[in-house]
Each structure stands twice: as structure tokens, then as C-alpha cells.
Amino acid sequence: MEHNKKQDYSITKGDRVDLNKHKPCLIWFTGLSGSGKSTIANLLEKELHKQQIHTYTLDGDNLRRGLNKDLGFTREDREENLRRTAEVARLFIDAGMVVIAAFISPYNSIREMIKTIVGEPYYIEVFVNTPLEVCEQRDVKGLYKKARAGEITNFTGISAPFEEPLNPTVEIKTVEVAPEEAVKRILEVLKGRI
């Protein structure tokens, strides 16, 4: 690392913000598998796109096909997966974009690390709070069934813990709020941020 020096370029984040006509941020969705994170994230991106906000969504399954394909699902590998994702988000923020990320991110320490990497002013945490039994009923990928059968180890909510966020920016209880209403709540928070 001692030979690495930050390279400065003429175009700054401020220049990109001026060009985009909005401020950057990271909207980090956390919650159990099947909680509705990706559904809400997708609807949010569609709405922001309509408003001509420059966005990009980082998705765990997609990143594990490329950048993070060398990682498994041990606690250490999951933390590295999220650290790399946060570093990518930081680059997108520097590019002046609104980044949307939907990851289980089960530990408060990991979410704190993500906030530190991207910078607290740019971090918006959305806790998609869905009871485990509801997530299991949805189980579109069949993952809970496999985890209960012992075919998947270190599965959050079954054989690995999920720590509820201590102070999320927005909490969405999906048994009470439809995805469209969740998006409206998030957009209200974003009004003052982007």
C-alpha cells in the first residue's frame, strides 16, 4: 500500500453533481432473504428514473457472478462481499450517482463498516422488516426449505443470526405497508438528501 498514491483528476464529485442536477447517496436495503428488499429497491429505482435521477442498483446475486465470485458464505466471506460492495458504491457516489443496494447484511458491525466506507452523509439505511415466517412463506428461491433441511449452512434467520438495525433511516414493515407505499416513504426521506 505504501506505493499507492491517490490520483487526483480535474473533474470532481462536485462537477458531476452539478451535471447530474442531484446529490449522490447510497440507499442500503437490509433485511432477511425474502423480506421484499429487491422488490422495493426495483420500484424505487423505477420512480427515481422517472424523475431523471441517475441511479445504479447493486445486487448481491449479480455481484457474486463477477466481482465477488471467489467468495463463499462464511461470515468472513460475507463481510468481504459487503466490504467490496461498499467500495463499489463509494465509487458510484464519487461519480455523482444514487446507488441502491439490497443485501441481507445481517450484522450491525457490517452496516457500520459500510456507512464508514461511503461516508455517513451519503448513507441511507432502509430496514425491510418482515417476520421470518412470512419470508419463509414467500421463499421464491426455495432457500429456507434447503436451509431447514441442512442443505445450506450459515443461512441468515435459520443457522446464522440477523441483528435488527439499531437506528435505520427508514423502517418498512412489509406486513403493514405495500411496496408502493414503502417507495413513497423512502422518496420523502430522499427529498432533503438528493
Protein backbone atom coordinates (compact mmCIF):
# COMPACT_ATOMS: atom_id res chain seq x y z
CA MET A 1 0.00 0.00 0.00
CA GLU A 2 2.91 2.38 0.61
CA HIS A 3 3.45 2.70 -3.15
CA ASN A 4 -0.19 3.54 -3.84
CA LYS A 5 -0.94 7.24 -4.05
CA LYS A 6 -4.36 8.72 -4.67
CA GLN A 7 -4.55 10.08 -8.19
CA ASP A 8 -6.44 13.35 -8.46
CA TYR A 9 -8.29 14.29 -11.63
CA SER A 10 -9.63 17.60 -12.87
CA ILE A 11 -13.32 16.65 -12.76
CA THR A 12 -14.56 16.47 -9.17
CA LYS A 13 -17.57 14.97 -7.45
CA GLY A 14 -18.97 18.50 -7.28
CA ASP A 15 -18.68 18.84 -11.06
CA ARG A 16 -20.56 15.55 -11.50
CA VAL A 17 -23.26 16.63 -9.03
CA ASP A 18 -23.72 19.86 -10.98
CA LEU A 19 -24.01 17.91 -14.24
CA ASN A 20 -26.48 15.40 -12.78
CA LYS A 21 -28.50 18.11 -11.01
CA HIS A 22 -28.84 15.96 -7.88
CA LYS A 23 -26.70 14.81 -4.98
CA PRO A 24 -25.36 11.26 -4.66
CA CYS A 25 -26.13 8.78 -1.91
CA LEU A 26 -26.31 5.10 -1.07
CA ILE A 27 -29.71 3.66 -0.21
CA TRP A 28 -28.86 0.42 1.59
CA PHE A 29 -31.71 -2.08 1.99
CA THR A 30 -31.22 -4.66 4.74
CA GLY A 31 -33.49 -7.48 5.85
CA LEU A 32 -33.96 -11.22 5.70
CA SER A 33 -33.97 -13.19 2.46
CA GLY A 34 -37.48 -12.88 1.02
CA SER A 35 -38.30 -9.75 3.03
CA GLY A 36 -39.01 -7.70 -0.10
CA LYS A 37 -35.76 -5.73 -0.35
CA SER A 38 -35.24 -6.27 -4.07
CA THR A 39 -38.90 -5.65 -4.91
CA ILE A 40 -38.92 -2.28 -3.15
CA ALA A 41 -35.46 -1.38 -4.46
CA ASN A 42 -36.59 -2.07 -8.03
CA LEU A 43 -39.72 0.05 -7.64
CA LEU A 44 -37.68 2.85 -6.09
CA GLU A 45 -35.20 2.85 -8.96
CA LYS A 46 -38.04 2.99 -11.49
CA GLU A 47 -39.52 6.02 -9.71
CA LEU A 48 -36.17 7.79 -9.44
CA HIS A 49 -35.51 7.10 -13.13
CA LYS A 50 -38.83 8.77 -13.98
CA GLN A 51 -37.58 11.79 -12.04
CA GLN A 52 -34.37 11.77 -14.13
CA ILE A 53 -32.20 10.81 -11.16
CA HIS A 54 -29.06 8.91 -12.19
CA THR A 55 -29.14 5.57 -10.39
CA TYR A 56 -27.49 2.18 -10.30
CA THR A 57 -28.57 -0.87 -8.32
CA LEU A 58 -26.01 -3.20 -6.78
CA ASP A 59 -27.44 -6.67 -6.27
CA GLY A 60 -25.79 -9.49 -4.34
CA ASP A 61 -26.62 -12.23 -6.83
CA ASN A 62 -25.25 -10.15 -9.71
CA LEU A 63 -22.03 -9.19 -7.89
CA ARG A 64 -21.44 -12.82 -6.95
CA ARG A 65 -21.41 -13.68 -10.66
CA GLY A 66 -18.39 -11.45 -11.26
CA LEU A 67 -16.58 -9.22 -8.77
CA ASN A 68 -17.32 -11.47 -5.80
CA LYS A 69 -17.48 -14.88 -7.46
CA ASP A 70 -14.48 -16.04 -5.42
CA LEU A 71 -16.38 -15.67 -2.13
CA GLY A 72 -18.47 -18.21 -0.25
CA PHE A 73 -20.96 -17.72 2.58
CA THR A 74 -18.85 -17.95 5.71
CA ARG A 75 -19.12 -14.92 7.98
CA GLU A 76 -15.70 -13.72 6.76
CA ASP A 77 -16.63 -14.13 3.08
CA ARG A 78 -19.97 -12.39 3.59
CA GLU A 79 -18.23 -9.47 5.27
CA GLU A 80 -15.74 -9.25 2.39
CA ASN A 81 -18.62 -9.40 -0.12
CA LEU A 82 -20.24 -6.42 1.60
CA ARG A 83 -16.96 -4.53 2.01
CA ARG A 84 -16.29 -4.81 -1.73
CA THR A 85 -19.86 -3.76 -2.46
CA ALA A 86 -19.46 -0.70 -0.24
CA GLU A 87 -16.22 0.23 -2.04
CA VAL A 88 -18.01 -0.02 -5.40
CA ALA A 89 -20.86 2.11 -4.00
CA ARG A 90 -18.31 4.70 -2.87
CA LEU A 91 -17.01 4.94 -6.45
CA PHE A 92 -20.54 5.41 -7.79
CA ILE A 93 -21.13 8.13 -5.18
CA ASP A 94 -17.96 9.82 -6.36
CA ALA A 95 -19.47 9.62 -9.86
CA GLY A 96 -22.44 11.60 -8.50
CA MET A 97 -24.99 8.78 -8.65
CA VAL A 98 -27.70 7.48 -6.38
CA VAL A 99 -26.76 3.90 -5.53
CA ILE A 100 -29.36 1.38 -4.46
CA ALA A 101 -28.17 -1.80 -2.76
CA ALA A 102 -30.28 -4.70 -1.48
CA PHE A 103 -28.30 -7.08 0.75
CA ILE A 104 -29.20 -9.13 3.81
CA SER A 105 -26.20 -7.56 5.62
CA PRO A 106 -27.06 -9.32 8.88
CA TYR A 107 -24.76 -7.63 11.39
CA ASN A 108 -24.81 -4.10 12.81
CA SER A 109 -21.00 -4.04 12.64
CA ILE A 110 -21.12 -4.69 8.89
CA ARG A 111 -23.67 -1.95 8.29
CA GLU A 112 -21.50 0.42 10.37
CA MET A 113 -18.50 -0.52 8.20
CA ILE A 114 -20.50 0.23 5.04
CA LYS A 115 -21.54 3.62 6.44
CA THR A 116 -17.89 4.39 7.25
CA ILE A 117 -16.67 3.40 3.78
CA VAL A 118 -19.19 5.52 1.84
CA GLY A 119 -19.37 8.33 4.41
CA GLU A 120 -22.20 8.89 6.85
CA PRO A 121 -23.72 11.86 4.94
CA TYR A 122 -24.26 9.59 1.92
CA TYR A 123 -25.67 6.57 3.76
CA ILE A 124 -29.42 5.91 3.98
CA GLU A 125 -30.38 2.65 5.67
CA VAL A 126 -33.72 1.03 4.89
CA PHE A 127 -34.69 -1.85 7.15
CA VAL A 128 -37.19 -4.06 5.37
CA ASN A 129 -38.69 -5.62 8.48
CA THR A 130 -40.53 -8.80 7.59
CA PRO A 131 -41.15 -11.63 10.08
CA LEU A 132 -39.19 -14.83 9.43
CA GLU A 133 -42.38 -16.88 8.98
CA VAL A 134 -43.57 -14.50 6.23
CA CYS A 135 -40.18 -14.70 4.49
CA GLU A 136 -40.37 -18.50 4.66
CA GLN A 137 -43.87 -18.49 3.16
CA ARG A 138 -42.62 -16.39 0.24
CA ASP A 139 -39.39 -18.40 -0.24
CA VAL A 140 -39.42 -17.95 -4.03
CA LYS A 141 -35.91 -19.41 -4.35
CA GLY A 142 -36.56 -22.37 -2.03
CA LEU A 143 -33.63 -21.32 0.17
CA TYR A 144 -35.37 -21.57 3.54
CA LYS A 145 -36.53 -25.09 2.75
CA LYS A 146 -32.96 -26.08 1.87
CA ALA A 147 -31.61 -24.35 5.00
CA ARG A 148 -34.12 -26.15 7.22
CA ALA A 149 -33.08 -29.45 5.58
CA GLY A 150 -29.42 -28.69 6.31
CA GLU A 151 -28.52 -28.34 2.63
CA ILE A 152 -27.46 -24.69 3.13
CA THR A 153 -25.29 -23.72 6.08
CA ASN A 154 -24.83 -20.23 7.55
CA PHE A 155 -28.28 -19.19 6.32
CA THR A 156 -29.46 -15.97 7.92
CA GLY A 157 -32.52 -16.43 10.09
CA ILE A 158 -32.09 -20.22 10.31
CA SER A 159 -28.50 -21.19 11.11
CA ALA A 160 -26.99 -17.69 11.25
CA PRO A 161 -28.26 -14.62 13.12
CA PHE A 162 -29.78 -11.39 11.82
CA GLU A 163 -29.24 -8.35 14.03
CA GLU A 164 -32.02 -5.81 13.57
CA PRO A 165 -30.67 -2.35 12.73
CA LEU A 166 -30.28 -0.12 15.76
CA ASN A 167 -31.29 3.15 14.09
CA PRO A 168 -32.32 2.75 10.44
CA THR A 169 -33.18 5.85 8.44
CA VAL A 170 -36.42 4.18 7.34
CA GLU A 171 -38.12 1.03 8.63
CA ILE A 172 -40.62 -0.70 6.37
CA LYS A 173 -42.88 -3.30 7.97
CA THR A 174 -43.99 -5.20 4.89
CA VAL A 175 -46.92 -6.90 6.64
CA GLU A 176 -48.39 -3.40 7.13
CA VAL A 177 -47.11 -1.47 4.11
CA ALA A 178 -47.36 -2.27 0.40
CA PRO A 179 -44.19 -1.89 -1.69
CA GLU A 180 -45.60 1.19 -3.44
CA GLU A 181 -46.23 2.89 -0.08
CA ALA A 182 -42.73 1.92 1.04
CA VAL A 183 -41.31 3.70 -2.01
CA LYS A 184 -43.30 6.84 -1.15
CA ARG A 185 -41.84 6.82 2.37
CA ILE A 186 -38.31 6.47 1.05
CA LEU A 187 -38.85 9.25 -1.51
CA GLU A 188 -39.95 11.56 1.34
CA VAL A 189 -36.62 10.94 3.08
CA LEU A 190 -34.72 11.49 -0.15
CA LYS A 191 -36.29 14.90 -0.79
CA GLY A 192 -33.90 16.58 1.58
CA ARG A 193 -30.92 14.41 0.69
CA ILE A 194 -30.59 14.41 -3.10
